[in-house]
C-alpha atoms as a PDB file:
ATOM      1  CA  MET A   1     195.201 203.069 -38.821  1.00  0.00           C
ATOM      2  CA  VAL A   2     195.140 206.157 -41.035  1.00  0.00           C
ATOM      3  CA  ILE A   3     192.604 208.002 -38.858  1.00  0.00           C
ATOM      4  CA  GLU A   4     194.607 207.373 -35.696  1.00  0.00           C
ATOM      5  CA  GLN A   5     197.818 208.620 -37.296  1.00  0.00           C
ATOM      6  CA  LYS A   6     195.984 211.758 -38.412  1.00  0.00           C
ATOM      7  CA  LEU A   7     194.754 212.355 -34.853  1.00  0.00           C
ATOM      8  CA  ILE A   8     198.277 211.882 -33.504  1.00  0.00           C
ATOM      9  CA  ASP A   9     199.519 214.393 -36.067  1.00  0.00           C
ATOM     10  CA  ILE A  10     196.874 216.885 -34.880  1.00  0.00           C
ATOM     11  CA  LYS A  11     198.038 216.601 -31.264  1.00  0.00           C
ATOM     12  CA  ARG A  12     201.651 217.014 -32.370  1.00  0.00           C
ATOM     13  CA  ARG A  13     200.836 220.019 -34.563  1.00  0.00           C
ATOM     14  CA  ALA A  14     198.978 221.731 -31.694  1.00  0.00           C
ATOM     15  CA  ASP A  15     202.014 221.248 -29.442  1.00  0.00           C
ATOM     16  CA  ASP A  16     204.348 222.582 -32.151  1.00  0.00           C
ATOM     17  CA  ILE A  17     202.224 225.697 -32.735  1.00  0.00           C
ATOM     18  CA  GLN A  18     202.049 226.408 -29.007  1.00  0.00           C
ATOM     19  CA  SER A  19     205.846 226.171 -28.761  1.00  0.00           C
ATOM     20  CA  ILE A  20     206.328 228.484 -31.761  1.00  0.00           C
ATOM     21  CA  MET A  21     203.929 231.099 -30.377  1.00  0.00           C
ATOM     22  CA  ASN A  22     205.528 230.941 -26.930  1.00  0.00           C
ATOM     23  CA  SER A  23     209.006 231.347 -28.407  1.00  0.00           C
ATOM     24  CA  GLY A  24     208.442 235.008 -29.236  1.00  0.00           C
ATOM     25  CA  ASN A  25     210.134 234.552 -32.611  1.00  0.00           C
ATOM     26  CA  VAL A  26     206.991 235.072 -34.671  1.00  0.00           C
ATOM     27  CA  SER A  27     204.878 238.157 -35.137  1.00  0.00           C
ATOM     28  CA  GLY A  28     202.439 239.954 -37.399  1.00  0.00           C
ATOM     29  CA  ASP A  29     200.489 238.072 -40.042  1.00  0.00           C
ATOM     30  CA  GLU A  30     202.175 234.741 -39.274  1.00  0.00           C
ATOM     31  CA  LEU A  31     201.198 234.968 -35.609  1.00  0.00           C
ATOM     32  CA  THR A  32     197.594 235.676 -36.623  1.00  0.00           C
ATOM     33  CA  LYS A  33     197.535 232.615 -38.887  1.00  0.00           C
ATOM     34  CA  LEU A  34     199.085 230.392 -36.217  1.00  0.00           C
ATOM     35  CA  SER A  35     196.630 231.631 -33.589  1.00  0.00           C
ATOM     36  CA  LYS A  36     193.673 230.783 -35.841  1.00  0.00           C
ATOM     37  CA  GLU A  37     195.072 227.344 -36.625  1.00  0.00           C
ATOM     38  CA  TYR A  38     195.747 226.621 -32.949  1.00  0.00           C
ATOM     39  CA  SER A  39     192.235 227.711 -31.988  1.00  0.00           C
ATOM     40  CA  ARG A  40     190.738 225.297 -34.527  1.00  0.00           C
ATOM     41  CA  LEU A  41     192.960 222.416 -33.435  1.00  0.00           C
ATOM     42  CA  ASN A  42     192.231 223.150 -29.786  1.00  0.00           C
ATOM     43  CA  ASP A  43     188.505 222.721 -30.489  1.00  0.00           C
ATOM     44  CA  ILE A  44     189.177 219.240 -31.891  1.00  0.00           C
ATOM     45  CA  LEU A  45     191.565 218.012 -29.167  1.00  0.00           C
ATOM     46  CA  PRO A  46     188.866 217.065 -26.598  1.00  0.00           C
ATOM     47  CA  LEU A  47     187.273 214.806 -29.246  1.00  0.00           C
ATOM     48  CA  VAL A  48     190.667 213.326 -30.090  1.00  0.00           C
ATOM     49  CA  ASP A  49     191.283 212.544 -26.416  1.00  0.00           C
ATOM     50  CA  GLU A  50     187.806 211.005 -26.084  1.00  0.00           C
ATOM     51  CA  TYR A  51     188.425 208.819 -29.134  1.00  0.00           C
ATOM     52  CA  PHE A  52     191.706 207.445 -27.776  1.00  0.00           C
ATOM     53  CA  GLN A  53     190.198 206.917 -24.314  1.00  0.00           C
ATOM     54  CA  ILE A  54     187.383 204.834 -25.836  1.00  0.00           C
ATOM     55  CA  LYS A  55     189.830 202.843 -27.983  1.00  0.00           C
ATOM     56  CA  GLN A  56     192.020 202.189 -24.957  1.00  0.00           C
ATOM     57  CA  GLY A  57     188.943 201.262 -22.908  1.00  0.00           C
ATOM     58  CA  ILE A  58     187.873 198.749 -25.562  1.00  0.00           C
ATOM     59  CA  SER A  59     191.346 197.230 -25.554  1.00  0.00           C
ATOM     60  CA  ASP A  60     191.387 196.998 -21.739  1.00  0.00           C
ATOM     61  CA  ALA A  61     187.851 195.545 -21.550  1.00  0.00           C
ATOM     62  CA  THR A  62     188.699 192.958 -24.208  1.00  0.00           C
ATOM     63  CA  GLU A  63     191.719 191.898 -22.155  1.00  0.00           C
ATOM     64  CA  MET A  64     189.629 191.754 -18.957  1.00  0.00           C
ATOM     65  CA  GLN A  65     187.279 189.229 -20.566  1.00  0.00           C
ATOM     66  CA  HIS A  66     189.984 186.603 -20.179  1.00  0.00           C
ATOM     67  CA  ASP A  67     189.545 186.865 -16.402  1.00  0.00           C
ATOM     68  CA  ALA A  68     186.502 184.818 -15.284  1.00  0.00           C
ATOM     69  CA  GLU A  69     185.816 187.084 -12.307  1.00  0.00           C
ATOM     70  CA  LEU A  70     185.858 190.250 -14.425  1.00  0.00           C
ATOM     71  CA  ARG A  71     184.221 188.850 -17.550  1.00  0.00           C
ATOM     72  CA  GLU A  72     180.690 190.130 -16.804  1.00  0.00           C
ATOM     73  CA  ILE A  73     181.867 193.662 -15.904  1.00  0.00           C
ATOM     74  CA  ALA A  74     184.161 193.714 -18.929  1.00  0.00           C
ATOM     75  CA  ALA A  75     181.319 192.682 -21.236  1.00  0.00           C
ATOM     76  CA  GLU A  76     179.148 195.569 -19.987  1.00  0.00           C
ATOM     77  CA  GLN A  77     181.987 198.056 -20.420  1.00  0.00           C
ATOM     78  CA  LEU A  78     182.758 196.712 -23.885  1.00  0.00           C
ATOM     79  CA  GLU A  79     179.146 197.052 -25.019  1.00  0.00           C
ATOM     80  CA  ASP A  80     178.939 200.614 -23.720  1.00  0.00           C
ATOM     81  CA  LEU A  81     182.235 201.669 -25.321  1.00  0.00           C
ATOM     82  CA  LYS A  82     181.419 200.083 -28.681  1.00  0.00           C
ATOM     83  CA  HIS A  83     178.070 201.883 -28.596  1.00  0.00           C
ATOM     84  CA  ARG A  84     179.798 205.250 -27.993  1.00  0.00           C
ATOM     85  CA  LEU A  85     182.556 204.819 -30.577  1.00  0.00           C
ATOM     86  CA  PRO A  86     180.524 205.421 -33.809  1.00  0.00           C
ATOM     87  CA  ASP A  87     179.143 208.700 -32.455  1.00  0.00           C
ATOM     88  CA  VAL A  88     182.628 209.961 -31.570  1.00  0.00           C
ATOM     89  CA  GLU A  89     183.954 208.845 -34.951  1.00  0.00           C
ATOM     90  CA  LYS A  90     181.158 210.710 -36.737  1.00  0.00           C
ATOM     91  CA  ARG A  91     181.800 213.877 -34.717  1.00  0.00           C
ATOM     92  CA  LEU A  92     185.501 213.581 -35.497  1.00  0.00           C
ATOM     93  CA  GLN A  93     184.772 213.212 -39.204  1.00  0.00           C
ATOM     94  CA  ILE A  94     182.746 216.421 -39.119  1.00  0.00           C
ATOM     95  CA  ALA A  95     185.380 218.241 -37.052  1.00  0.00           C
ATOM     96  CA  LEU A  96     188.078 217.187 -39.526  1.00  0.00           C
ATOM     97  CA  LEU A  97     186.202 218.414 -42.596  1.00  0.00           C
ATOM     98  CA  PRO A  98     188.142 221.125 -44.451  1.00  0.00           C
ATOM     99  CA  ARG A  99     187.166 224.435 -42.915  1.00  0.00           C
ATOM    100  CA  ASP A 100     186.177 227.566 -44.730  1.00  0.00           C
ATOM    101  CA  ASP A 101     189.004 229.991 -43.947  1.00  0.00           C
ATOM    102  CA  ALA A 102     186.439 232.775 -43.542  1.00  0.00           C
ATOM    103  CA  ASP A 103     184.199 230.986 -41.016  1.00  0.00           C
ATOM    104  CA  ASP A 104     185.718 232.811 -38.044  1.00  0.00           C
ATOM    105  CA  ASN A 105     185.294 236.229 -39.666  1.00  0.00           C
ATOM    106  CA  SER A 106     182.745 238.931 -39.047  1.00  0.00           C
ATOM    107  CA  ALA A 107     180.268 239.454 -41.876  1.00  0.00           C
ATOM    108  CA  ILE A 108     178.989 242.232 -44.091  1.00  0.00           C
ATOM    109  CA  MET A 109     175.381 241.786 -45.207  1.00  0.00           C
ATOM    110  CA  GLU A 110     173.396 243.504 -47.944  1.00  0.00           C
ATOM    111  CA  ILE A 111     169.593 243.429 -48.078  1.00  0.00           C
ATOM    112  CA  ARG A 112     167.905 244.792 -51.192  1.00  0.00           C
ATOM    113  CA  ALA A 113     164.213 245.120 -52.018  1.00  0.00           C
ATOM    114  CA  GLY A 114     163.205 243.363 -55.213  1.00  0.00           C
ATOM    115  CA  VAL A 115     159.913 242.381 -56.820  1.00  0.00           C
ATOM    116  CA  GLY A 116     156.967 243.828 -54.929  1.00  0.00           C
ATOM    117  CA  GLY A 117     157.565 247.572 -54.648  1.00  0.00           C
ATOM    118  CA  GLU A 118     156.875 249.101 -51.247  1.00  0.00           C
ATOM    119  CA  GLU A 119     155.867 245.727 -49.776  1.00  0.00           C
ATOM    120  CA  SER A 120     159.272 244.350 -50.736  1.00  0.00           C
ATOM    121  CA  ALA A 121     160.944 247.335 -49.061  1.00  0.00           C
ATOM    122  CA  LEU A 122     158.902 246.726 -45.891  1.00  0.00           C
ATOM    123  CA  PHE A 123     159.962 243.085 -45.849  1.00  0.00           C
ATOM    124  CA  ALA A 124     163.583 244.151 -46.357  1.00  0.00           C
ATOM    125  CA  GLY A 125     163.102 246.126 -43.144  1.00  0.00           C
ATOM    126  CA  ASP A 126     161.652 243.048 -41.430  1.00  0.00           C
ATOM    127  CA  LEU A 127     164.683 240.981 -42.434  1.00  0.00           C
ATOM    128  CA  PHE A 128     167.086 243.670 -41.236  1.00  0.00           C
ATOM    129  CA  ASN A 129     165.334 243.761 -37.859  1.00  0.00           C
ATOM    130  CA  GLN A 130     165.444 239.961 -37.762  1.00  0.00           C
ATOM    131  CA  TYR A 131     169.207 239.832 -38.267  1.00  0.00           C
ATOM    132  CA  LYS A 132     169.752 242.755 -35.887  1.00  0.00           C
ATOM    133  CA  SER A 133     167.842 240.955 -33.123  1.00  0.00           C
ATOM    134  CA  TYR A 134     169.620 237.688 -33.894  1.00  0.00           C
ATOM    135  CA  ALA A 135     173.012 239.401 -33.710  1.00  0.00           C
ATOM    136  CA  LEU A 136     172.244 241.068 -30.389  1.00  0.00           C
ATOM    137  CA  ARG A 137     170.946 237.773 -28.952  1.00  0.00           C
ATOM    138  CA  HIS A 138     174.281 236.159 -29.812  1.00  0.00           C
ATOM    139  CA  GLY A 139     176.285 238.994 -28.291  1.00  0.00           C
ATOM    140  CA  TRP A 140     177.468 240.330 -31.647  1.00  0.00           C
ATOM    141  CA  LYS A 141     177.793 243.991 -32.558  1.00  0.00           C
ATOM    142  CA  ILE A 142     175.903 245.426 -35.541  1.00  0.00           C
ATOM    143  CA  GLU A 143     176.766 248.589 -37.454  1.00  0.00           C
ATOM    144  CA  ILE A 144     174.899 250.117 -40.403  1.00  0.00           C
ATOM    145  CA  VAL A 145     177.205 250.947 -43.312  1.00  0.00           C
ATOM    146  CA  GLU A 146     174.707 252.351 -45.804  1.00  0.00           C
ATOM    147  CA  GLU A 147     170.922 252.629 -45.903  1.00  0.00           C
ATOM    148  CA  ASN A 148     168.252 253.815 -48.298  1.00  0.00           C
ATOM    149  CA  ALA A 149     165.020 253.959 -46.325  1.00  0.00           C
ATOM    150  CA  THR A 150     161.492 254.486 -47.639  1.00  0.00           C
ATOM    151  CA  SER A 151     158.768 256.755 -46.249  1.00  0.00           C
ATOM    152  CA  LEU A 152     156.986 253.716 -44.713  1.00  0.00           C
ATOM    153  CA  HIS A 153     160.112 252.684 -42.753  1.00  0.00           C
ATOM    154  CA  GLY A 154     161.137 249.989 -45.185  1.00  0.00           C
ATOM    155  CA  TYR A 155     164.445 249.750 -47.034  1.00  0.00           C
ATOM    156  CA  LYS A 156     165.245 249.838 -50.722  1.00  0.00           C
ATOM    157  CA  GLU A 157     168.711 248.821 -49.582  1.00  0.00           C
ATOM    158  CA  VAL A 158     170.568 248.424 -46.296  1.00  0.00           C
ATOM    159  CA  ILE A 159     174.175 247.340 -45.841  1.00  0.00           C
ATOM    160  CA  PHE A 160     175.462 246.481 -42.382  1.00  0.00           C
ATOM    161  CA  LYS A 161     178.321 244.755 -40.599  1.00  0.00           C
ATOM    162  CA  ILE A 162     177.986 242.152 -37.861  1.00  0.00           C
ATOM    163  CA  ASP A 163     181.081 241.895 -35.677  1.00  0.00           C
ATOM    164  CA  GLY A 164     181.829 238.782 -33.655  1.00  0.00           C
ATOM    165  CA  ASP A 165     183.635 235.457 -33.641  1.00  0.00           C
ATOM    166  CA  GLY A 166     182.241 232.927 -36.109  1.00  0.00           C
ATOM    167  CA  VAL A 167     179.574 235.275 -37.500  1.00  0.00           C
ATOM    168  CA  TYR A 168     180.179 234.286 -41.123  1.00  0.00           C
ATOM    169  CA  ALA A 169     179.998 230.554 -40.304  1.00  0.00           C
ATOM    170  CA  ARG A 170     176.420 230.981 -39.090  1.00  0.00           C
ATOM    171  CA  MET A 171     175.193 233.662 -41.460  1.00  0.00           C
ATOM    172  CA  LYS A 172     176.619 232.561 -44.823  1.00  0.00           C
ATOM    173  CA  PHE A 173     173.663 230.340 -45.734  1.00  0.00           C
ATOM    174  CA  GLU A 174     171.336 233.380 -45.580  1.00  0.00           C
ATOM    175  CA  SER A 175     172.509 234.523 -49.041  1.00  0.00           C
ATOM    176  CA  GLY A 176     169.817 234.335 -51.712  1.00  0.00           C
ATOM    177  CA  ILE A 177     166.242 235.348 -52.459  1.00  0.00           C
ATOM    178  CA  HIS A 178     163.816 235.505 -49.524  1.00  0.00           C
ATOM    179  CA  ARG A 179     160.124 235.533 -50.517  1.00  0.00           C
ATOM    180  CA  VAL A 180     157.244 236.795 -48.406  1.00  0.00           C
ATOM    181  CA  GLN A 181     153.587 235.904 -48.865  1.00  0.00           C
ATOM    182  CA  ARG A 182     151.200 238.142 -46.899  1.00  0.00           C
ATOM    183  CA  VAL A 183     148.542 240.829 -47.148  1.00  0.00           C
ATOM    184  CA  PRO A 184     150.480 244.106 -47.474  1.00  0.00           C
ATOM    185  CA  GLU A 185     149.712 247.053 -45.203  1.00  0.00           C
ATOM    186  CA  THR A 186     149.076 249.009 -48.388  1.00  0.00           C
ATOM    187  CA  GLU A 187     146.516 246.464 -49.705  1.00  0.00           C
ATOM    188  CA  ALA A 188     142.921 247.482 -49.071  1.00  0.00           C
ATOM    189  CA  GLY A 189     141.311 244.402 -50.634  1.00  0.00           C
ATOM    190  CA  GLY A 190     142.926 241.870 -48.305  1.00  0.00           C
ATOM    191  CA  ARG A 191     144.669 239.972 -51.095  1.00  0.00           C
ATOM    192  CA  ILE A 192     147.856 238.005 -50.425  1.00  0.00           C
ATOM    193  CA  HIS A 193     150.845 239.336 -52.351  1.00  0.00           C
ATOM    194  CA  THR A 194     154.198 237.661 -53.009  1.00  0.00           C
ATOM    195  CA  SER A 195     157.278 239.874 -52.797  1.00  0.00           C
ATOM    196  CA  ALA A 196     160.976 239.158 -52.858  1.00  0.00           C
ATOM    197  CA  VAL A 197     164.107 240.496 -51.184  1.00  0.00           C
ATOM    198  CA  SER A 198     167.724 239.593 -51.959  1.00  0.00           C
ATOM    199  CA  VAL A 199     170.273 238.988 -49.202  1.00  0.00           C
ATOM    200  CA  ALA A 200     174.027 238.787 -49.725  1.00  0.00           C
ATOM    201  CA  VAL A 201     176.453 237.734 -46.989  1.00  0.00           C
ATOM    202  CA  MET A 202     180.180 238.364 -47.316  1.00  0.00           C
ATOM    203  CA  PRO A 203     182.984 237.577 -44.861  1.00  0.00           C
ATOM    204  CA  GLU A 204     184.747 240.695 -43.682  1.00  0.00           C
ATOM    205  CA  ALA A 205     188.142 240.640 -45.366  1.00  0.00           C
ATOM    206  CA  GLN A 206     191.401 241.398 -43.619  1.00  0.00           C
ATOM    207  CA  ASP A 207     194.337 243.251 -45.176  1.00  0.00           C
ATOM    208  CA  ILE A 208     196.146 239.926 -45.592  1.00  0.00           C
ATOM    209  CA  ASP A 209     193.193 238.525 -47.593  1.00  0.00           C
ATOM    210  CA  VAL A 210     192.966 241.254 -50.243  1.00  0.00           C
ATOM    211  CA  GLN A 211     195.464 243.842 -51.380  1.00  0.00           C
ATOM    212  CA  ILE A 212     194.026 246.941 -53.110  1.00  0.00           C
ATOM    213  CA  GLU A 213     196.330 249.034 -55.281  1.00  0.00           C
ATOM    214  CA  GLU A 214     195.800 252.801 -55.173  1.00  0.00           C
ATOM    215  CA  LYS A 215     195.987 252.984 -58.966  1.00  0.00           C
ATOM    216  CA  ASP A 216     192.978 250.637 -59.191  1.00  0.00           C
ATOM    217  CA  ILE A 217     190.544 252.874 -57.314  1.00  0.00           C
ATOM    218  CA  ARG A 218     188.996 256.322 -57.510  1.00  0.00           C
ATOM    219  CA  ILE A 219     187.688 258.021 -54.367  1.00  0.00           C
ATOM    220  CA  ASP A 220     184.982 260.663 -54.703  1.00  0.00           C
ATOM    221  CA  VAL A 221     183.599 262.731 -51.844  1.00  0.00           C
ATOM    222  CA  PHE A 222     180.221 264.435 -51.778  1.00  0.00           C
ATOM    223  CA  ARG A 223     177.637 265.772 -49.372  1.00  0.00           C
ATOM    224  CA  ALA A 224     175.650 263.194 -47.470  1.00  0.00           C
ATOM    225  CA  SER A 225     171.898 263.035 -47.933  1.00  0.00           C
ATOM    226  CA  GLY A 226     168.992 261.675 -45.923  1.00  0.00           C
ATOM    227  CA  ALA A 227     168.680 261.177 -42.179  1.00  0.00           C
ATOM    228  CA  GLY A 228     171.826 261.571 -40.168  1.00  0.00           C
ATOM    229  CA  GLY A 229     171.988 264.725 -38.126  1.00  0.00           C
ATOM    230  CA  GLN A 230     173.146 268.306 -38.477  1.00  0.00           C
ATOM    231  CA  HIS A 231     176.212 267.434 -40.580  1.00  0.00           C
ATOM    232  CA  VAL A 232     174.040 266.205 -43.451  1.00  0.00           C
ATOM    233  CA  ASN A 233     174.306 268.382 -46.589  1.00  0.00           C
ATOM    234  CA  LYS A 234     176.760 270.731 -44.848  1.00  0.00           C
ATOM    235  CA  THR A 235     180.091 268.912 -45.339  1.00  0.00           C
ATOM    236  CA  ASP A 236     181.548 266.653 -48.009  1.00  0.00           C
ATOM    237  CA  SER A 237     181.597 263.680 -45.640  1.00  0.00           C
ATOM    238  CA  ALA A 238     180.138 260.966 -47.915  1.00  0.00           C
ATOM    239  CA  VAL A 239     182.575 258.746 -49.821  1.00  0.00           C
ATOM    240  CA  ARG A 240     182.229 256.739 -53.017  1.00  0.00           C
ATOM    241  CA  ILE A 241     184.983 254.311 -54.053  1.00  0.00           C
ATOM    242  CA  THR A 242     185.133 252.871 -57.561  1.00  0.00           C
ATOM    243  CA  HIS A 243     187.288 249.800 -58.215  1.00  0.00           C
ATOM    244  CA  PHE A 244     188.288 249.929 -61.887  1.00  0.00           C
ATOM    245  CA  PRO A 245     189.281 246.276 -62.539  1.00  0.00           C
ATOM    246  CA  THR A 246     185.921 244.902 -61.347  1.00  0.00           C
ATOM    247  CA  GLY A 247     183.593 247.877 -61.713  1.00  0.00           C
ATOM    248  CA  ILE A 248     182.512 247.526 -58.075  1.00  0.00           C
ATOM    249  CA  VAL A 249     181.273 250.787 -56.525  1.00  0.00           C
ATOM    250  CA  VAL A 250     180.879 251.268 -52.773  1.00  0.00           C
ATOM    251  CA  THR A 251     179.278 254.278 -51.121  1.00  0.00           C
ATOM    252  CA  CYS A 252     179.256 255.174 -47.429  1.00  0.00           C
ATOM    253  CA  GLN A 253     177.718 258.243 -45.781  1.00  0.00           C
ATOM    254  CA  ASN A 254     176.508 256.935 -42.441  1.00  0.00           C
ATOM    255  CA  GLU A 255     179.529 258.056 -40.416  1.00  0.00           C
ATOM    256  CA  ARG A 256     179.988 261.690 -39.359  1.00  0.00           C
ATOM    257  CA  SER A 257     183.448 262.170 -40.847  1.00  0.00           C
ATOM    258  CA  GLN A 258     184.952 261.628 -44.269  1.00  0.00           C
ATOM    259  CA  ILE A 259     187.787 259.621 -42.717  1.00  0.00           C
ATOM    260  CA  GLN A 260     185.364 257.209 -41.033  1.00  0.00           C
ATOM    261  CA  ASN A 261     183.293 256.851 -44.194  1.00  0.00           C
ATOM    262  CA  LYS A 262     186.409 256.161 -46.264  1.00  0.00           C
ATOM    263  CA  ALA A 263     187.593 253.472 -43.818  1.00  0.00           C
ATOM    264  CA  THR A 264     184.158 251.831 -43.793  1.00  0.00           C
ATOM    265  CA  ALA A 265     183.826 251.971 -47.589  1.00  0.00           C
ATOM    266  CA  MET A 266     187.281 250.429 -48.003  1.00  0.00           C
ATOM    267  CA  ALA A 267     186.334 247.616 -45.615  1.00  0.00           C
ATOM    268  CA  VAL A 268     183.201 246.885 -47.665  1.00  0.00           C
ATOM    269  CA  LEU A 269     185.138 247.023 -50.949  1.00  0.00           C
ATOM    270  CA  ARG A 270     187.770 244.685 -49.567  1.00  0.00           C
ATOM    271  CA  SER A 271     185.052 242.233 -48.482  1.00  0.00           C
ATOM    272  CA  LYS A 272     183.333 242.408 -51.894  1.00  0.00           C
ATOM    273  CA  LEU A 273     186.621 241.628 -53.645  1.00  0.00           C
ATOM    274  CA  TYR A 274     187.347 238.825 -51.173  1.00  0.00           C
ATOM    275  CA  GLU A 275     183.913 237.296 -51.769  1.00  0.00           C
ATOM    276  CA  LYS A 276     184.363 237.590 -55.554  1.00  0.00           C
ATOM    277  CA  GLN A 277     187.686 235.806 -55.293  1.00  0.00           C
ATOM    278  CA  ARG A 278     186.191 233.091 -53.071  1.00  0.00           C
ATOM    279  CA  SER A 279     183.182 232.622 -55.364  1.00  0.00           C
ATOM    280  CA  GLU A 280     185.432 232.083 -58.359  1.00  0.00           C
ATOM    281  CA  GLN A 281     187.488 229.523 -56.443  1.00  0.00           C
ATOM    282  CA  ASN A 282     184.360 227.728 -55.193  1.00  0.00           C
ATOM    283  CA  ALA A 283     182.894 227.623 -58.703  1.00  0.00           C
ATOM    284  CA  ALA A 284     186.025 225.930 -59.976  1.00  0.00           C
ATOM    285  CA  ARG A 285     185.966 223.371 -57.146  1.00  0.00           C
ATOM    286  CA  THR A 286     182.262 222.553 -57.315  1.00  0.00           C
ATOM    287  CA  SER A 287     181.566 222.759 -61.051  1.00  0.00           C
ATOM    288  CA  SER A 288     180.766 219.043 -61.127  1.00  0.00           C
ATOM    289  CA  ARG A 289     178.534 219.031 -58.038  1.00  0.00           C
ATOM    290  CA  ARG A 290     175.540 221.174 -57.102  1.00  0.00           C
ATOM    291  CA  SER A 291     175.361 221.846 -53.375  1.00  0.00           C
ATOM    292  CA  MET A 292     172.094 220.992 -51.636  1.00  0.00           C
ATOM    293  CA  VAL A 293     172.373 224.167 -49.567  1.00  0.00           C
ATOM    294  CA  GLY A 294     172.949 226.263 -52.656  1.00  0.00           C
ATOM    295  CA  SER A 295     175.664 228.327 -54.173  1.00  0.00           C
ATOM    296  CA  GLY A 296     175.151 231.436 -52.044  1.00  0.00           C
ATOM    297  CA  ASP A 297     174.110 233.298 -55.179  1.00  0.00           C
ATOM    298  CA  ARG A 298     171.722 236.150 -54.328  1.00  0.00           C
ATOM    299  CA  SER A 299     169.611 235.210 -57.400  1.00  0.00           C
ATOM    300  CA  GLU A 300     168.735 231.808 -55.963  1.00  0.00           C
ATOM    301  CA  LYS A 301     165.358 231.420 -54.187  1.00  0.00           C
ATOM    302  CA  ILE A 302     166.142 229.965 -50.781  1.00  0.00           C
ATOM    303  CA  ARG A 303     163.309 230.707 -48.357  1.00  0.00           C
ATOM    304  CA  THR A 304     159.606 231.592 -48.202  1.00  0.00           C
ATOM    305  CA  TYR A 305     157.865 233.334 -45.288  1.00  0.00           C
ATOM    306  CA  ASN A 306     154.119 232.639 -45.438  1.00  0.00           C
ATOM    307  CA  PHE A 307     152.234 234.855 -42.988  1.00  0.00           C
ATOM    308  CA  PRO A 308     148.700 233.380 -43.338  1.00  0.00           C
ATOM    309  CA  GLU A 309     150.027 229.922 -42.410  1.00  0.00           C
ATOM    310  CA  GLN A 310     152.695 231.233 -39.994  1.00  0.00           C
ATOM    311  CA  ARG A 311     155.297 229.047 -41.692  1.00  0.00           C
ATOM    312  CA  VAL A 312     158.827 229.499 -42.976  1.00  0.00           C
ATOM    313  CA  THR A 313     160.147 227.040 -45.581  1.00  0.00           C
ATOM    314  CA  ASP A 314     163.782 226.678 -46.582  1.00  0.00           C
ATOM    315  CA  HIS A 315     163.647 225.236 -50.095  1.00  0.00           C
ATOM    316  CA  ARG A 316     167.238 223.985 -50.140  1.00  0.00           C
ATOM    317  CA  ILE A 317     166.748 221.387 -47.428  1.00  0.00           C
ATOM    318  CA  LYS A 318     162.935 221.116 -47.614  1.00  0.00           C
ATOM    319  CA  LEU A 319     162.563 222.252 -44.004  1.00  0.00           C
ATOM    320  CA  THR A 320     159.335 223.941 -42.861  1.00  0.00           C
ATOM    321  CA  LEU A 321     158.921 225.469 -39.409  1.00  0.00           C
ATOM    322  CA  TYR A 322     155.634 226.907 -38.165  1.00  0.00           C
ATOM    323  CA  LYS A 323     157.480 229.527 -36.132  1.00  0.00           C
ATOM    324  CA  LEU A 324     157.298 232.588 -38.353  1.00  0.00           C
ATOM    325  CA  ASP A 325     157.007 235.160 -35.548  1.00  0.00           C
ATOM    326  CA  ASP A 326     159.895 233.645 -33.614  1.00  0.00           C
ATOM    327  CA  ILE A 327     162.114 233.417 -36.697  1.00  0.00           C
ATOM    328  CA  LEU A 328     161.416 237.026 -37.723  1.00  0.00           C
ATOM    329  CA  ALA A 329     162.201 238.053 -34.147  1.00  0.00           C
ATOM    330  CA  GLY A 330     165.649 236.453 -34.533  1.00  0.00           C
ATOM    331  CA  GLY A 331     164.759 233.813 -31.966  1.00  0.00           C
ATOM    332  CA  GLU A 332     165.518 230.127 -31.490  1.00  0.00           C
ATOM    333  CA  GLY A 333     163.565 229.260 -34.633  1.00  0.00           C
ATOM    334  CA  LEU A 334     166.209 231.009 -36.740  1.00  0.00           C
ATOM    335  CA  ASP A 335     168.918 229.090 -34.871  1.00  0.00           C
ATOM    336  CA  GLU A 336     167.041 225.868 -35.645  1.00  0.00           C
ATOM    337  CA  MET A 337     166.934 226.780 -39.344  1.00  0.00           C
ATOM    338  CA  ILE A 338     170.621 227.717 -39.477  1.00  0.00           C
ATOM    339  CA  ASP A 339     171.679 224.601 -37.517  1.00  0.00           C
ATOM    340  CA  ALA A 340     169.802 222.420 -40.019  1.00  0.00           C
ATOM    341  CA  LEU A 341     171.555 224.127 -42.939  1.00  0.00           C
ATOM    342  CA  ILE A 342     174.974 223.670 -41.331  1.00  0.00           C
ATOM    343  CA  ALA A 343     174.219 219.983 -40.649  1.00  0.00           C
ATOM    344  CA  ALA A 344     173.057 219.453 -44.255  1.00  0.00           C
ATOM    345  CA  ASP A 345     176.237 221.048 -45.558  1.00  0.00           C
ATOM    346  CA  GLN A 346     178.383 218.844 -43.309  1.00  0.00           C
ATOM    347  CA  LEU A 347     176.589 215.655 -44.389  1.00  0.00           C
ATOM    348  CA  GLU A 348     176.939 216.589 -48.041  1.00  0.00           C
ATOM    349  CA  ARG A 349     180.656 217.202 -47.690  1.00  0.00           C
ATOM    350  CA  LEU A 350     181.109 213.956 -45.776  1.00  0.00           C
ATOM    351  CA  ALA A 351     179.307 212.061 -48.561  1.00  0.00           C
ATOM    352  CA  ALA A 352     181.531 213.721 -51.172  1.00  0.00           C
ATOM    353  CA  MET A 353     184.641 212.443 -49.381  1.00  0.00           C
ATOM    354  CA  GLU A 354     183.505 208.811 -49.245  1.00  0.00           C
END
């Protein structure tokens, strides 16, 4: 069978990679690539073993049915194994789906206030706190890259990095327009307003993903402004990098030294270029098919948070959860939402392969 040969090839490839890595004859970028590939294969191997155990069990139970004394036991075993097989096959299909190379990466997120003025900025702050709490609950590290806060503790814009294994795989479906429907703190008449905030999620790029030529960028330094400590407005610590071929501009002033700000700004620029490259490739691959979980475009409306009804609706998969407080606190409700989006994406890709 084709599937069984593919599973055998996976086991063989895992053994080959382990031998190569143990040989000591590989280093640098190649070792990094092999380590990632081995980690992915190693996650699949328990399922592969379970599949072959069930297939062997079915074969053995079928043979046992020829023995009159064992026929009843064999029939029970056969029924149980045949009941388990479809579930294992489905899990294998999902595990064998082509992986996004960036899924294991950390992520850089941008939240920007949109329609709604100060109320939009306040909700941008709510979303930032949501993702910060979610990151901490998962044991990830969060670091602010750039922020433009308002007097009411909202954000016109906040850019931050979430460090951890598999961050991008879980956060990538958060890209798009998030709407909020509630009575603003600034509203005296008690009327419900609708505001919008855009969220962009980019995988953190590595040096091997994107090469940036010095001739393609200009680096400007200037004095930092806003909250930040005694160094603010006293040293030229803030950094702005302009990438000429794309027109992308990245600014960083949150770190205390110019060197740190330059390194952070370069990391963000590299991730923006990586995401641009990936988006162009994805557009070419999916031009004939519209994904149910969306394109990841920040202009696409993806979710509505309705405070009066305490509900959150994800419009891509038509899922509504009456757990607004828990979701905004970065709790299990947000996990439930993200898990549903991942499952929908997997089912869609499985259907496309049939």
